[in-house]
């Protein structure tokens, strides 16, 4: 009940701040839900309430020379809301991909704009520079910021999976490193190394009975064994967009693989499982990570992994599924 109340309060606070109906004459002093002395819109900072959101509407009027198509346009994002004792917002962090919105607004024909605001079809051309879906690994130009960020994160994950001493890491600053996931308390380098990257990313504050993956009961070895078994071809990671360069790098990413082995009693489906997220990477002068913040929805991943049939104890010794005793058991809708 307390969590539901917190969600309602955070949503009300966000709406009361005036998004969507502010005028150019608005001032922070006019908002009762904002602490005008400390409020700021930032891309990094200490989180308190983390949430996922969707903003959407129907493209029914012209936009920057592009004709409306009547289709829904939307984007998803993650946010962190830091409030004071009176539930007044002090810090708001927003992470999203502008291309999700602009891709929908620019996908329709461009137009010259006559006075009656109708579309001149004789001069209309299609002009959307954004792809709607990436099915394979993104290959960034050599030396680009996107390639640098992607290689840095992959190198860090490789060190985390294969090195046993933090002082041997070349990708992080061991004295300052913190990993913050979905607004939870940050983990030090030693803590992250001890529990492993999977457990660090999948820790949950939900009651035990509602946790679909109990990170506190897993070890470094057991977590890696579980995901290597479920995703035998690997669990690919790629950068989709980079929004700012060092020393504070913000980016969007995708993690994905093919569910071709059993996972926690669920039979494989051979389907692609994936999730999208946003990250903020603080680096020093040598491009070593000092802070890593990651925001994503774990249900996007587990919705695919728990979709498979439950494997009965009567399963054959060769690890194939006895479909006569298998039942479907996914609590998450896609």
Protein backbone atom coordinates (compact mmCIF):
# COMPACT_ATOMS: atom_id res chain seq x y z
CA UNK A 1 0.00 0.00 0.00
CA UNK A 2 2.82 2.42 0.88
CA UNK A 3 4.46 1.85 -2.51
CA UNK A 4 1.17 2.52 -4.32
CA UNK A 5 0.76 5.79 -2.38
CA UNK A 6 4.35 6.79 -3.23
CA UNK A 7 3.67 6.13 -6.93
CA UNK A 8 0.50 8.23 -6.86
CA UNK A 9 2.29 11.06 -5.07
CA UNK A 10 5.23 11.07 -7.47
CA UNK A 11 2.90 11.06 -10.50
CA UNK A 12 0.79 13.87 -9.02
CA UNK A 13 3.91 15.85 -8.20
CA UNK A 14 5.15 15.49 -11.79
CA UNK A 15 1.79 16.63 -13.20
CA UNK A 16 1.44 19.49 -10.72
CA UNK A 17 4.80 20.84 -11.84
CA UNK A 18 2.99 22.03 -14.95
CA UNK A 19 4.49 19.96 -17.76
CA UNK A 20 2.40 20.51 -20.88
CA UNK A 21 0.60 23.67 -19.75
CA UNK A 22 3.28 26.14 -18.63
CA UNK A 23 3.29 29.58 -20.25
CA UNK A 24 6.34 31.63 -21.07
CA UNK A 25 5.46 33.86 -18.10
CA UNK A 26 5.65 30.97 -15.61
CA UNK A 27 8.22 31.20 -12.84
CA UNK A 28 9.28 28.51 -10.39
CA UNK A 29 7.87 30.61 -7.55
CA UNK A 30 4.36 30.04 -8.93
CA UNK A 31 4.56 26.25 -8.39
CA UNK A 32 3.49 24.92 -4.98
CA UNK A 33 5.04 21.48 -5.56
CA UNK A 34 8.53 22.81 -6.31
CA UNK A 35 11.14 24.04 -3.89
CA UNK A 36 12.17 27.15 -5.92
CA UNK A 37 15.49 27.48 -4.08
CA UNK A 38 16.87 24.06 -5.02
CA UNK A 39 14.85 22.85 -8.01
CA UNK A 40 16.83 22.01 -11.12
CA UNK A 41 16.46 19.75 -14.15
CA UNK A 42 19.70 17.75 -14.40
CA UNK A 43 21.11 14.58 -15.96
CA UNK A 44 23.01 13.22 -12.96
CA UNK A 45 22.71 13.40 -9.21
CA UNK A 46 21.53 11.58 -6.05
CA UNK A 47 18.27 9.65 -6.83
CA UNK A 48 15.39 8.95 -4.48
CA UNK A 49 12.31 7.82 -6.45
CA UNK A 50 13.03 6.14 -9.80
CA UNK A 51 10.28 5.52 -12.34
CA UNK A 52 9.53 4.68 -15.95
CA UNK A 53 7.17 6.87 -17.97
CA UNK A 54 5.49 7.23 -21.35
CA UNK A 55 4.54 10.49 -23.10
CA UNK A 56 2.29 10.25 -26.17
CA UNK A 57 -0.22 11.92 -28.44
CA UNK A 58 -1.71 11.76 -31.94
CA UNK A 59 0.04 13.52 -34.83
CA UNK A 60 -2.95 15.38 -36.27
CA UNK A 61 -1.43 18.72 -37.21
CA UNK A 62 1.64 19.85 -39.20
CA UNK A 63 5.06 19.83 -37.52
CA UNK A 64 8.04 21.78 -38.91
CA UNK A 65 6.92 21.35 -42.50
CA UNK A 66 5.80 17.72 -42.14
CA UNK A 67 2.21 16.71 -42.78
CA UNK A 68 0.19 14.98 -40.05
CA UNK A 69 -0.59 11.29 -40.50
CA UNK A 70 -3.04 10.79 -37.63
CA UNK A 71 -0.78 8.14 -36.04
CA UNK A 72 0.15 7.94 -32.39
CA UNK A 73 3.62 9.29 -31.53
CA UNK A 74 5.22 8.42 -28.22
CA UNK A 75 8.42 7.94 -26.32
CA UNK A 76 9.41 6.08 -23.17
CA UNK A 77 11.92 7.16 -20.58
CA UNK A 78 13.17 6.78 -17.04
CA UNK A 79 13.27 9.39 -14.32
CA UNK A 80 14.51 10.02 -10.79
CA UNK A 81 12.59 12.36 -8.49
CA UNK A 82 14.33 13.76 -5.41
CA UNK A 83 11.91 15.38 -2.99
CA UNK A 84 12.10 17.10 0.39
CA UNK A 85 10.11 16.27 3.54
CA UNK A 86 7.01 17.99 2.12
CA UNK A 87 7.15 15.96 -1.13
CA UNK A 88 8.27 19.07 -3.04
CA UNK A 89 10.56 18.34 -5.96
CA UNK A 90 14.19 19.39 -5.56
CA UNK A 91 15.88 17.42 -8.35
CA UNK A 92 14.28 15.78 -11.38
CA UNK A 93 16.37 13.56 -13.67
CA UNK A 94 14.90 12.53 -17.02
CA UNK A 95 16.44 9.96 -19.40
CA UNK A 96 14.87 9.34 -22.82
CA UNK A 97 15.65 9.10 -26.54
CA UNK A 98 14.38 12.16 -28.47
CA UNK A 99 14.55 10.15 -31.71
CA UNK A 100 11.59 8.04 -30.54
CA UNK A 101 9.41 11.16 -30.66
CA UNK A 102 10.98 12.98 -33.60
CA UNK A 103 11.05 9.77 -35.66
CA UNK A 104 7.25 9.72 -35.57
CA UNK A 105 6.90 13.41 -36.35
CA UNK A 106 9.27 13.33 -39.33
CA UNK A 107 8.16 10.05 -40.88
CA UNK A 108 5.31 11.72 -42.78
CA UNK A 109 5.76 13.65 -46.07
CA UNK A 110 7.32 17.09 -45.81
CA UNK A 111 5.33 19.93 -47.24
CA UNK A 112 5.43 23.50 -48.41
CA UNK A 113 2.92 25.31 -46.25
CA UNK A 114 0.17 27.19 -48.10
CA UNK A 115 -1.83 29.75 -46.17
CA UNK A 116 -4.70 27.28 -45.55
CA UNK A 117 -2.20 24.90 -43.87
CA UNK A 118 -3.08 21.98 -46.19
CA UNK A 119 -0.47 19.69 -47.67
CA UNK A 120 0.95 20.50 -51.08
CA UNK A 121 1.21 16.93 -52.37
CA UNK A 122 3.07 18.02 -55.48
CA UNK A 123 6.08 18.97 -53.34
CA UNK A 124 5.72 16.37 -50.57
CA UNK A 125 8.70 14.04 -50.01
CA UNK A 126 9.44 11.43 -47.38
CA UNK A 127 12.22 12.44 -45.02
CA UNK A 128 12.72 10.59 -41.72
CA UNK A 129 16.40 10.02 -40.81
CA UNK A 130 15.59 7.69 -37.89
CA UNK A 131 15.21 3.93 -38.15
CA UNK A 132 12.40 2.50 -36.04
CA UNK A 133 14.08 -0.80 -35.14
CA UNK A 134 17.62 -2.20 -34.96
CA UNK A 135 17.75 -5.98 -35.32
CA UNK A 136 21.51 -6.53 -35.34
CA UNK A 137 24.50 -5.12 -33.54
CA UNK A 138 25.14 -1.49 -34.34
CA UNK A 139 28.46 -0.84 -36.08
CA UNK A 140 29.60 2.67 -35.24
CA UNK A 141 32.24 4.53 -37.29
CA UNK A 142 35.73 3.88 -36.02
CA UNK A 143 36.83 6.53 -33.53
CA UNK A 144 33.30 7.93 -33.05
CA UNK A 145 32.07 8.83 -29.58
CA UNK A 146 29.50 6.02 -29.82
CA UNK A 147 32.21 3.45 -30.54
CA UNK A 148 34.38 4.76 -27.68
CA UNK A 149 31.49 4.51 -25.20
CA UNK A 150 30.41 1.07 -26.43
CA UNK A 151 33.94 -0.33 -26.24
CA UNK A 152 34.51 1.22 -22.79
CA UNK A 153 31.38 -0.41 -21.32
CA UNK A 154 32.16 -3.76 -22.95
CA UNK A 155 35.73 -3.66 -21.62
CA UNK A 156 34.48 -2.86 -18.13
CA UNK A 157 32.01 -5.76 -18.22
CA UNK A 158 34.74 -8.08 -19.52
CA UNK A 159 37.05 -7.11 -16.64
CA UNK A 160 34.21 -7.53 -14.15
CA UNK A 161 33.52 -11.05 -15.43
CA UNK A 162 37.11 -12.29 -15.72
CA UNK A 163 39.34 -10.39 -13.27
CA UNK A 164 39.42 -11.16 -9.55
CA UNK A 165 41.29 -8.10 -8.17
CA UNK A 166 39.95 -4.57 -8.46
CA UNK A 167 43.47 -3.11 -8.66
CA UNK A 168 43.95 -4.97 -11.97
CA UNK A 169 41.05 -3.10 -13.62
CA UNK A 170 42.06 -0.56 -16.25
CA UNK A 171 38.55 0.72 -17.06
CA UNK A 172 37.54 2.17 -13.66
CA UNK A 173 38.90 4.44 -10.96
CA UNK A 174 38.85 1.98 -8.03
CA UNK A 175 38.96 4.73 -5.39
CA UNK A 176 35.81 6.48 -6.64
CA UNK A 177 33.80 3.88 -8.54
CA UNK A 178 30.07 3.53 -7.80
CA UNK A 179 27.40 1.53 -9.67
CA UNK A 180 23.87 2.90 -9.23
CA UNK A 181 20.98 0.88 -10.70
CA UNK A 182 17.43 2.26 -10.91
CA UNK A 183 18.05 4.75 -8.13
CA UNK A 184 19.17 2.23 -5.51
CA UNK A 185 22.09 2.85 -3.19
CA UNK A 186 25.37 2.76 -5.10
CA UNK A 187 27.66 -0.28 -5.02
CA UNK A 188 31.41 0.16 -4.69
CA UNK A 189 33.83 -1.50 -7.05
CA UNK A 190 34.61 -4.22 -4.51
CA UNK A 191 30.90 -4.93 -3.88
CA UNK A 192 30.17 -5.10 -7.61
CA UNK A 193 33.12 -7.44 -8.20
CA UNK A 194 32.06 -9.71 -5.32
CA UNK A 195 28.44 -10.25 -6.41
CA UNK A 196 28.98 -9.98 -10.19
CA UNK A 197 27.42 -7.80 -12.88
CA UNK A 198 24.18 -9.82 -13.19
CA UNK A 199 23.38 -9.66 -9.49
CA UNK A 200 24.35 -6.00 -9.32
CA UNK A 201 21.94 -5.12 -12.14
CA UNK A 202 19.12 -7.41 -10.99
CA UNK A 203 18.94 -6.63 -7.27
CA UNK A 204 15.36 -5.79 -6.31
CA UNK A 205 13.62 -4.04 -3.42
CA UNK A 206 10.41 -6.05 -3.99
CA UNK A 207 9.29 -8.48 -1.25
CA UNK A 208 10.87 -11.90 -1.71
CA UNK A 209 7.61 -13.55 -2.80
CA UNK A 210 7.34 -11.15 -5.75
CA UNK A 211 10.96 -11.37 -6.90
CA UNK A 212 11.30 -13.33 -10.15
CA UNK A 213 15.08 -13.38 -9.68
CA UNK A 214 16.46 -13.42 -6.11
CA UNK A 215 19.84 -11.76 -6.53
CA UNK A 216 20.58 -12.01 -2.79
CA UNK A 217 20.45 -15.80 -3.03
CA UNK A 218 22.72 -16.00 -6.08
CA UNK A 219 26.51 -16.01 -6.19
CA UNK A 220 28.80 -14.59 -8.85
CA UNK A 221 29.18 -18.11 -10.29
CA UNK A 222 25.53 -19.17 -10.12
CA UNK A 223 24.29 -15.99 -11.79
CA UNK A 224 26.70 -16.36 -14.70
CA UNK A 225 25.85 -20.05 -15.04
CA UNK A 226 22.11 -19.26 -15.18
CA UNK A 227 22.40 -16.71 -17.97
CA UNK A 228 25.05 -18.58 -19.95
CA UNK A 229 22.77 -21.61 -19.91
CA UNK A 230 19.70 -19.61 -20.96
CA UNK A 231 21.52 -17.53 -23.59
CA UNK A 232 24.18 -19.87 -25.01
CA UNK A 233 24.94 -17.58 -27.96
CA UNK A 234 25.73 -14.73 -25.59
CA UNK A 235 24.02 -11.68 -24.13
CA UNK A 236 24.90 -8.86 -26.54
CA UNK A 237 25.18 -5.25 -25.36
CA UNK A 238 25.22 -2.21 -27.65
CA UNK A 239 24.99 1.56 -27.55
CA UNK A 240 22.05 2.95 -29.53
CA UNK A 241 22.56 6.68 -28.95
CA UNK A 242 25.00 8.97 -27.13
CA UNK A 243 23.60 12.30 -25.95
CA UNK A 244 26.64 13.93 -24.32
CA UNK A 245 30.38 13.44 -24.28
CA UNK A 246 32.90 13.16 -21.43
CA UNK A 247 33.24 13.79 -18.56
CA UNK A 248 29.52 13.02 -18.08
CA UNK A 249 28.39 10.67 -20.85
CA UNK A 250 24.67 9.91 -21.19
CA UNK A 251 23.54 7.17 -23.54
CA UNK A 252 20.79 4.73 -24.52
CA UNK A 253 21.58 1.00 -24.75
CA UNK A 254 20.13 -2.39 -25.63
CA UNK A 255 20.93 -5.79 -24.04
CA UNK A 256 19.71 -8.85 -25.94
CA UNK A 257 20.15 -12.52 -26.75
CA UNK A 258 18.27 -15.65 -27.84
CA UNK A 259 16.54 -17.76 -25.18
CA UNK A 260 17.80 -21.19 -26.26
CA UNK A 261 18.45 -22.88 -22.90
CA UNK A 262 16.45 -23.41 -19.67
CA UNK A 263 16.16 -20.59 -17.13
CA UNK A 264 15.00 -21.09 -13.53
CA UNK A 265 12.72 -24.00 -14.40
CA UNK A 266 11.40 -22.48 -17.63
CA UNK A 267 11.94 -24.12 -21.00
CA UNK A 268 13.60 -22.12 -23.79
CA UNK A 269 11.45 -20.53 -26.47
CA UNK A 270 14.25 -19.82 -29.00
CA UNK A 271 12.91 -16.25 -29.18
CA UNK A 272 14.89 -13.04 -28.79
CA UNK A 273 14.80 -11.53 -25.30
CA UNK A 274 15.93 -7.97 -24.76
CA UNK A 275 15.61 -4.79 -22.78
CA UNK A 276 16.40 -1.13 -23.40
CA UNK A 277 17.77 1.35 -20.90
CA UNK A 278 19.56 4.62 -20.25
CA UNK A 279 22.90 5.20 -18.61
CA UNK A 280 25.09 7.99 -17.28
CA UNK A 281 28.82 7.39 -17.15
CA UNK A 282 31.13 9.77 -15.25
CA UNK A 283 34.76 9.40 -16.29
CA UNK A 284 38.08 10.92 -15.23
CA UNK A 285 40.77 12.42 -17.44
CA UNK A 286 41.91 8.92 -18.45
CA UNK A 287 38.34 7.91 -19.38
CA UNK A 288 38.15 5.58 -16.37
CA UNK A 289 34.67 5.19 -14.94
CA UNK A 290 33.99 6.86 -11.58
CA UNK A 291 30.17 6.60 -11.48
CA UNK A 292 27.90 4.40 -13.59
CA UNK A 293 24.14 5.00 -13.38
CA UNK A 294 21.81 2.56 -15.14
CA UNK A 295 18.04 2.89 -15.53
CA UNK A 296 15.94 0.12 -17.11
CA UNK A 297 12.86 -2.07 -16.59
CA UNK A 298 13.85 -5.64 -15.52
CA UNK A 299 10.37 -6.91 -16.50
CA UNK A 300 11.28 -6.37 -20.18
CA UNK A 301 13.93 -9.08 -19.78
CA UNK A 302 12.11 -11.47 -17.45
CA UNK A 303 8.88 -11.26 -19.42
CA UNK A 304 10.73 -13.15 -22.16
CA UNK A 305 12.64 -15.54 -19.88
CA UNK A 306 9.56 -16.58 -17.87
CA UNK A 307 7.44 -16.99 -20.98
CA UNK A 308 8.72 -20.51 -21.54
CA UNK A 309 6.85 -23.59 -20.33
CA UNK A 310 7.54 -24.70 -16.78
CA UNK A 311 9.77 -27.78 -16.83
CA UNK A 312 8.37 -30.70 -14.85
CA UNK A 313 10.57 -32.85 -12.56
CA UNK A 314 9.62 -35.63 -15.01
CA UNK A 315 11.82 -33.94 -17.63
CA UNK A 316 14.05 -36.41 -19.45
CA UNK A 317 17.74 -36.70 -18.55
CA UNK A 318 18.87 -35.30 -21.89
CA UNK A 319 17.40 -31.90 -20.78
CA UNK A 320 14.62 -31.90 -23.38
CA UNK A 321 11.19 -30.70 -22.31
CA UNK A 322 8.41 -33.21 -21.74
CA UNK A 323 5.64 -31.16 -23.29
CA UNK A 324 2.97 -33.41 -21.74
CA UNK A 325 3.99 -32.23 -18.26
CA UNK A 326 5.05 -28.66 -19.14
CA UNK A 327 2.77 -25.75 -18.24
CA UNK A 328 2.85 -22.13 -19.22
CA UNK A 329 3.78 -19.75 -16.44
CA UNK A 330 4.67 -16.12 -17.22
CA UNK A 331 3.32 -13.44 -14.84
CA UNK A 332 4.46 -10.62 -17.16
CA UNK A 333 2.65 -9.39 -20.24
CA UNK A 334 4.82 -8.27 -23.12
